Amino acid sequence: MSSNATPTAEVRPFPNPKIAPATEAPNAPTEPAISPPAEAPTKKKRSARFLLLPIIALGLLGAAA
């Protein structure tokens, strides 16, 4: 370390922020926006349990008779 170094930090000025030029707001469209067509609700996916449960139940009822 050099003996002539100061114990305080060197303070540098922060650069000025660049200010974007002000722009005019775009004109609002006079026509109403066309909404996309309504989508049909998707069918609920059935799990294997709901498919196999009635088959197993019928098999057990048939075996018990």
PDB file of N, CA and C in Angstrom:
ATOM      1  N   MET A   1       0.840  -1.174   0.000  1.00  0.00           N
ATOM      2  CA  MET A   1       0.000   0.000   0.000  1.00  0.00           C
ATOM      3  C   MET A   1       0.882   1.232   0.000  1.00  0.00           C
ATOM      4  N   SER A   2       0.425   2.216  -0.701  1.00  0.00           N
ATOM      5  CA  SER A   2       1.206   3.451  -0.710  1.00  0.00           C
ATOM      6  C   SER A   2       0.803   4.310   0.475  1.00  0.00           C
ATOM      7  N   SER A   3       1.725   5.078   0.958  1.00  0.00           N
ATOM      8  CA  SER A   3       1.471   5.869   2.159  1.00  0.00           C
ATOM      9  C   SER A   3       0.659   7.127   1.868  1.00  0.00           C
ATOM     10  N   ASN A   4       0.587   7.564   0.592  1.00  0.00           N
ATOM     11  CA  ASN A   4      -0.150   8.787   0.295  1.00  0.00           C
ATOM     12  C   ASN A   4      -1.587   8.508  -0.160  1.00  0.00           C
ATOM     13  N   ALA A   5      -2.093   7.282   0.023  1.00  0.00           N
ATOM     14  CA  ALA A   5      -3.477   6.960  -0.329  1.00  0.00           C
ATOM     15  C   ALA A   5      -4.404   7.477   0.768  1.00  0.00           C
ATOM     16  N   THR A   6      -5.488   8.107   0.371  1.00  0.00           N
ATOM     17  CA  THR A   6      -6.431   8.649   1.350  1.00  0.00           C
ATOM     18  C   THR A   6      -7.388   7.550   1.797  1.00  0.00           C
ATOM     19  N   PRO A   7      -7.840   7.560   3.038  1.00  0.00           N
ATOM     20  CA  PRO A   7      -8.743   6.518   3.528  1.00  0.00           C
ATOM     21  C   PRO A   7     -10.178   6.678   3.024  1.00  0.00           C
ATOM     22  N   THR A   8     -10.522   7.778   2.372  1.00  0.00           N
ATOM     23  CA  THR A   8     -11.891   7.973   1.890  1.00  0.00           C
ATOM     24  C   THR A   8     -11.983   7.541   0.436  1.00  0.00           C
ATOM     25  N   ALA A   9     -13.167   7.157   0.035  1.00  0.00           N
ATOM     26  CA  ALA A   9     -13.392   6.712  -1.335  1.00  0.00           C
ATOM     27  C   ALA A   9     -13.537   7.917  -2.250  1.00  0.00           C
ATOM     28  N   GLU A  10     -13.156   7.704  -3.483  1.00  0.00           N
ATOM     29  CA  GLU A  10     -13.287   8.772  -4.470  1.00  0.00           C
ATOM     30  C   GLU A  10     -14.747   8.839  -4.907  1.00  0.00           C
ATOM     31  N   VAL A  11     -15.316  10.013  -4.905  1.00  0.00           N
ATOM     32  CA  VAL A  11     -16.717  10.186  -5.266  1.00  0.00           C
ATOM     33  C   VAL A  11     -16.777  10.721  -6.683  1.00  0.00           C
ATOM     34  N   ARG A  12     -17.493   9.988  -7.522  1.00  0.00           N
ATOM     35  CA  ARG A  12     -17.660  10.421  -8.913  1.00  0.00           C
ATOM     36  C   ARG A  12     -19.122  10.789  -9.127  1.00  0.00           C
ATOM     37  N   PRO A  13     -19.386  11.810  -9.914  1.00  0.00           N
ATOM     38  CA  PRO A  13     -20.791  12.168 -10.179  1.00  0.00           C
ATOM     39  C   PRO A  13     -21.451  11.107 -11.059  1.00  0.00           C
ATOM     40  N   PHE A  14     -22.682  10.817 -10.730  1.00  0.00           N
ATOM     41  CA  PHE A  14     -23.434   9.838 -11.508  1.00  0.00           C
ATOM     42  C   PHE A  14     -23.828  10.476 -12.831  1.00  0.00           C
ATOM     43  N   PRO A  15     -23.748   9.734 -13.956  1.00  0.00           N
ATOM     44  CA  PRO A  15     -24.120  10.338 -15.242  1.00  0.00           C
ATOM     45  C   PRO A  15     -25.607  10.696 -15.270  1.00  0.00           C
ATOM     46  N   ASN A  16     -25.910  11.773 -15.948  1.00  0.00           N
ATOM     47  CA  ASN A  16     -27.299  12.222 -16.044  1.00  0.00           C
ATOM     48  C   ASN A  16     -28.108  11.207 -16.849  1.00  0.00           C
ATOM     49  N   PRO A  17     -29.321  10.915 -16.407  1.00  0.00           N
ATOM     50  CA  PRO A  17     -30.146   9.965 -17.166  1.00  0.00           C
ATOM     51  C   PRO A  17     -30.599  10.599 -18.477  1.00  0.00           C
ATOM     52  N   LYS A  18     -30.678   9.766 -19.498  1.00  0.00           N
ATOM     53  CA  LYS A  18     -31.149  10.258 -20.793  1.00  0.00           C
ATOM     54  C   LYS A  18     -32.668  10.320 -20.749  1.00  0.00           C
ATOM     55  N   ILE A  19     -33.194  11.477 -21.050  1.00  0.00           N
ATOM     56  CA  ILE A  19     -34.637  11.676 -21.025  1.00  0.00           C
ATOM     57  C   ILE A  19     -35.161  11.457 -22.436  1.00  0.00           C
ATOM     58  N   ALA A  20     -36.118  10.546 -22.574  1.00  0.00           N
ATOM     59  CA  ALA A  20     -36.702  10.261 -23.875  1.00  0.00           C
ATOM     60  C   ALA A  20     -37.590  11.432 -24.279  1.00  0.00           C
ATOM     61  N   PRO A  21     -37.578  11.784 -25.551  1.00  0.00           N
ATOM     62  CA  PRO A  21     -38.444  12.887 -25.985  1.00  0.00           C
ATOM     63  C   PRO A  21     -39.912  12.496 -25.850  1.00  0.00           C
ATOM     64  N   ALA A  22     -40.717  13.459 -25.473  1.00  0.00           N
ATOM     65  CA  ALA A  22     -42.146  13.200 -25.297  1.00  0.00           C
ATOM     66  C   ALA A  22     -42.789  12.984 -26.659  1.00  0.00           C
ATOM     67  N   THR A  23     -43.610  11.965 -26.757  1.00  0.00           N
ATOM     68  CA  THR A  23     -44.314  11.677 -28.006  1.00  0.00           C
ATOM     69  C   THR A  23     -45.804  11.809 -27.754  1.00  0.00           C
ATOM     70  N   GLU A  24     -46.526  12.084 -28.813  1.00  0.00           N
ATOM     71  CA  GLU A  24     -47.970  12.211 -28.694  1.00  0.00           C
ATOM     72  C   GLU A  24     -48.588  10.826 -28.598  1.00  0.00           C
ATOM     73  N   ALA A  25     -49.680  10.739 -27.874  1.00  0.00           N
ATOM     74  CA  ALA A  25     -50.386   9.470 -27.750  1.00  0.00           C
ATOM     75  C   ALA A  25     -51.062   9.159 -29.080  1.00  0.00           C
ATOM     76  N   PRO A  26     -51.072   7.894 -29.497  1.00  0.00           N
ATOM     77  CA  PRO A  26     -51.741   7.549 -30.756  1.00  0.00           C
ATOM     78  C   PRO A  26     -53.247   7.755 -30.628  1.00  0.00           C
ATOM     79  N   ASN A  27     -53.867   8.056 -31.738  1.00  0.00           N
ATOM     80  CA  ASN A  27     -55.314   8.274 -31.737  1.00  0.00           C
ATOM     81  C   ASN A  27     -56.026   6.967 -31.408  1.00  0.00           C
ATOM     82  N   ALA A  28     -57.069   7.063 -30.610  1.00  0.00           N
ATOM     83  CA  ALA A  28     -57.842   5.881 -30.253  1.00  0.00           C
ATOM     84  C   ALA A  28     -58.643   5.434 -31.472  1.00  0.00           C
ATOM     85  N   PRO A  29     -58.730   4.133 -31.721  1.00  0.00           N
ATOM     86  CA  PRO A  29     -59.501   3.669 -32.882  1.00  0.00           C
ATOM     87  C   PRO A  29     -60.982   3.974 -32.689  1.00  0.00           C
ATOM     88  N   THR A  30     -61.619   4.454 -33.753  1.00  0.00           N
ATOM     89  CA  THR A  30     -63.033   4.790 -33.668  1.00  0.00           C
ATOM     90  C   THR A  30     -63.899   3.552 -33.830  1.00  0.00           C
ATOM     91  N   GLU A  31     -63.377   2.509 -34.513  1.00  0.00           N
ATOM     92  CA  GLU A  31     -64.143   1.284 -34.700  1.00  0.00           C
ATOM     93  C   GLU A  31     -63.950   0.387 -33.478  1.00  0.00           C
ATOM     94  N   PRO A  32     -65.011  -0.259 -33.025  1.00  0.00           N
ATOM     95  CA  PRO A  32     -64.817  -1.195 -31.911  1.00  0.00           C
ATOM     96  C   PRO A  32     -64.009  -2.401 -32.382  1.00  0.00           C
ATOM     97  N   ALA A  33     -63.167  -2.893 -31.534  1.00  0.00           N
ATOM     98  CA  ALA A  33     -62.340  -4.045 -31.895  1.00  0.00           C
ATOM     99  C   ALA A  33     -63.225  -5.273 -32.038  1.00  0.00           C
ATOM    100  N   ILE A  34     -62.938  -6.068 -33.044  1.00  0.00           N
ATOM    101  CA  ILE A  34     -63.714  -7.281 -33.279  1.00  0.00           C
ATOM    102  C   ILE A  34     -63.227  -8.343 -32.304  1.00  0.00           C
ATOM    103  N   SER A  35     -64.155  -8.837 -31.498  1.00  0.00           N
ATOM    104  CA  SER A  35     -63.770  -9.848 -30.514  1.00  0.00           C
ATOM    105  C   SER A  35     -63.678 -11.207 -31.202  1.00  0.00           C
ATOM    106  N   PRO A  36     -62.764 -12.060 -30.762  1.00  0.00           N
ATOM    107  CA  PRO A  36     -62.650 -13.383 -31.372  1.00  0.00           C
ATOM    108  C   PRO A  36     -63.892 -14.201 -31.060  1.00  0.00           C
ATOM    109  N   PRO A  37     -64.246 -15.134 -31.930  1.00  0.00           N
ATOM    110  CA  PRO A  37     -65.448 -15.933 -31.680  1.00  0.00           C
ATOM    111  C   PRO A  37     -65.288 -16.754 -30.405  1.00  0.00           C
ATOM    112  N   ALA A  38     -66.403 -16.934 -29.733  1.00  0.00           N
ATOM    113  CA  ALA A  38     -66.374 -17.676 -28.471  1.00  0.00           C
ATOM    114  C   ALA A  38     -66.022 -19.131 -28.754  1.00  0.00           C
ATOM    115  N   GLU A  39     -65.104 -19.670 -27.969  1.00  0.00           N
ATOM    116  CA  GLU A  39     -64.689 -21.052 -28.161  1.00  0.00           C
ATOM    117  C   GLU A  39     -65.646 -21.980 -27.426  1.00  0.00           C
ATOM    118  N   ALA A  40     -65.894 -23.134 -28.036  1.00  0.00           N
ATOM    119  CA  ALA A  40     -66.745 -24.121 -27.393  1.00  0.00           C
ATOM    120  C   ALA A  40     -66.006 -24.690 -26.191  1.00  0.00           C
ATOM    121  N   PRO A  41     -66.713 -24.950 -25.109  1.00  0.00           N
ATOM    122  CA  PRO A  41     -66.026 -25.521 -23.942  1.00  0.00           C
ATOM    123  C   PRO A  41     -65.449 -26.891 -24.285  1.00  0.00           C
ATOM    124  N   THR A  42     -64.253 -27.137 -23.821  1.00  0.00           N
ATOM    125  CA  THR A  42     -63.609 -28.411 -24.121  1.00  0.00           C
ATOM    126  C   THR A  42     -64.243 -29.510 -23.287  1.00  0.00           C
ATOM    127  N   LYS A  43     -64.268 -30.697 -23.854  1.00  0.00           N
ATOM    128  CA  LYS A  43     -64.844 -31.823 -23.133  1.00  0.00           C
ATOM    129  C   LYS A  43     -63.910 -32.224 -22.009  1.00  0.00           C
ATOM    130  N   LYS A  44     -64.501 -32.610 -20.905  1.00  0.00           N
ATOM    131  CA  LYS A  44     -63.713 -33.010 -19.749  1.00  0.00           C
ATOM    132  C   LYS A  44     -63.081 -34.371 -20.030  1.00  0.00           C
ATOM    133  N   LYS A  45     -61.789 -34.452 -19.784  1.00  0.00           N
ATOM    134  CA  LYS A  45     -61.095 -35.723 -20.001  1.00  0.00           C
ATOM    135  C   LYS A  45     -61.448 -36.676 -18.870  1.00  0.00           C
ATOM    136  N   ARG A  46     -61.710 -37.911 -19.237  1.00  0.00           N
ATOM    137  CA  ARG A  46     -62.050 -38.915 -18.242  1.00  0.00           C
ATOM    138  C   ARG A  46     -60.809 -39.743 -17.949  1.00  0.00           C
ATOM    139  N   SER A  47     -60.619 -40.033 -16.700  1.00  0.00           N
ATOM    140  CA  SER A  47     -59.466 -40.839 -16.319  1.00  0.00           C
ATOM    141  C   SER A  47     -59.806 -42.314 -16.481  1.00  0.00           C
ATOM    142  N   ALA A  48     -58.794 -43.154 -16.387  1.00  0.00           N
ATOM    143  CA  ALA A  48     -58.982 -44.595 -16.533  1.00  0.00           C
ATOM    144  C   ALA A  48     -59.854 -45.151 -15.415  1.00  0.00           C
ATOM    145  N   ARG A  49     -59.825 -44.517 -14.256  1.00  0.00           N
ATOM    146  CA  ARG A  49     -60.625 -44.986 -13.125  1.00  0.00           C
ATOM    147  C   ARG A  49     -62.113 -44.945 -13.467  1.00  0.00           C
ATOM    148  N   PHE A  50     -62.564 -43.869 -14.082  1.00  0.00           N
ATOM    149  CA  PHE A  50     -63.983 -43.747 -14.410  1.00  0.00           C
ATOM    150  C   PHE A  50     -64.384 -44.686 -15.538  1.00  0.00           C
ATOM    151  N   LEU A  51     -63.432 -45.124 -16.332  1.00  0.00           N
ATOM    152  CA  LEU A  51     -63.734 -46.074 -17.395  1.00  0.00           C
ATOM    153  C   LEU A  51     -63.770 -47.498 -16.852  1.00  0.00           C
ATOM    154  N   LEU A  52     -62.839 -47.842 -15.982  1.00  0.00           N
ATOM    155  CA  LEU A  52     -62.724 -49.215 -15.500  1.00  0.00           C
ATOM    156  C   LEU A  52     -63.633 -49.530 -14.325  1.00  0.00           C
ATOM    157  N   LEU A  53     -64.003 -48.557 -13.535  1.00  0.00           N
ATOM    158  CA  LEU A  53     -64.808 -48.810 -12.341  1.00  0.00           C
ATOM    159  C   LEU A  53     -66.158 -49.466 -12.659  1.00  0.00           C
ATOM    160  N   PRO A  54     -66.917 -48.995 -13.636  1.00  0.00           N
ATOM    161  CA  PRO A  54     -68.187 -49.683 -13.937  1.00  0.00           C
ATOM    162  C   PRO A  54     -67.979 -51.096 -14.470  1.00  0.00           C
ATOM    163  N   ILE A  55     -66.911 -51.310 -15.227  1.00  0.00           N
ATOM    164  CA  ILE A  55     -66.645 -52.645 -15.774  1.00  0.00           C
ATOM    165  C   ILE A  55     -66.322 -53.617 -14.642  1.00  0.00           C
ATOM    166  N   ILE A  56     -65.505 -53.175 -13.697  1.00  0.00           N
ATOM    167  CA  ILE A  56     -65.149 -54.025 -12.559  1.00  0.00           C
ATOM    168  C   ILE A  56     -66.377 -54.280 -11.692  1.00  0.00           C
ATOM    169  N   ALA A  57     -67.194 -53.259 -11.489  1.00  0.00           N
ATOM    170  CA  ALA A  57     -68.405 -53.419 -10.676  1.00  0.00           C
ATOM    171  C   ALA A  57     -69.355 -54.425 -11.323  1.00  0.00           C
ATOM    172  N   LEU A  58     -69.522 -54.365 -12.633  1.00  0.00           N
ATOM    173  CA  LEU A  58     -70.393 -55.325 -13.316  1.00  0.00           C
ATOM    174  C   LEU A  58     -69.818 -56.732 -13.225  1.00  0.00           C
ATOM    175  N   GLY A  59     -68.505 -56.854 -13.318  1.00  0.00           N
ATOM    176  CA  GLY A  59     -67.879 -58.174 -13.194  1.00  0.00           C
ATOM    177  C   GLY A  59     -68.078 -58.765 -11.811  1.00  0.00           C
ATOM    178  N   LEU A  60     -67.954 -57.936 -10.778  1.00  0.00           N
ATOM    179  CA  LEU A  60     -68.169 -58.427  -9.415  1.00  0.00           C
ATOM    180  C   LEU A  60     -69.631 -58.815  -9.183  1.00  0.00           C
ATOM    181  N   LEU A  61     -70.549 -58.045  -9.734  1.00  0.00           N
ATOM    182  CA  LEU A  61     -71.967 -58.378  -9.585  1.00  0.00           C
ATOM    183  C   LEU A  61     -72.300 -59.669 -10.325  1.00  0.00           C
ATOM    184  N   GLY A  62     -71.691 -59.854 -11.494  1.00  0.00           N
ATOM    185  CA  GLY A  62     -71.932 -61.084 -12.254  1.00  0.00           C
ATOM    186  C   GLY A  62     -71.347 -62.298 -11.555  1.00  0.00           C
ATOM    187  N   ALA A  63     -70.202 -62.139 -10.919  1.00  0.00           N
ATOM    188  CA  ALA A  63     -69.574 -63.264 -10.226  1.00  0.00           C
ATOM    189  C   ALA A  63     -70.334 -63.613  -8.952  1.00  0.00           C
ATOM    190  N   ALA A  64     -70.964 -62.651  -8.333  1.00  0.00           N
ATOM    191  CA  ALA A  64     -71.693 -62.896  -7.094  1.00  0.00           C
ATOM    192  C   ALA A  64     -73.022 -63.594  -7.357  1.00  0.00           C
ATOM    193  N   ALA A  65     -73.561 -63.483  -8.541  1.00  0.00           N
ATOM    194  CA  ALA A  65     -74.878 -64.059  -8.832  1.00  0.00           C
ATOM    195  C   ALA A  65     -74.833 -65.539  -9.092  1.00  0.00           C
TER     196      ALA A  65
END
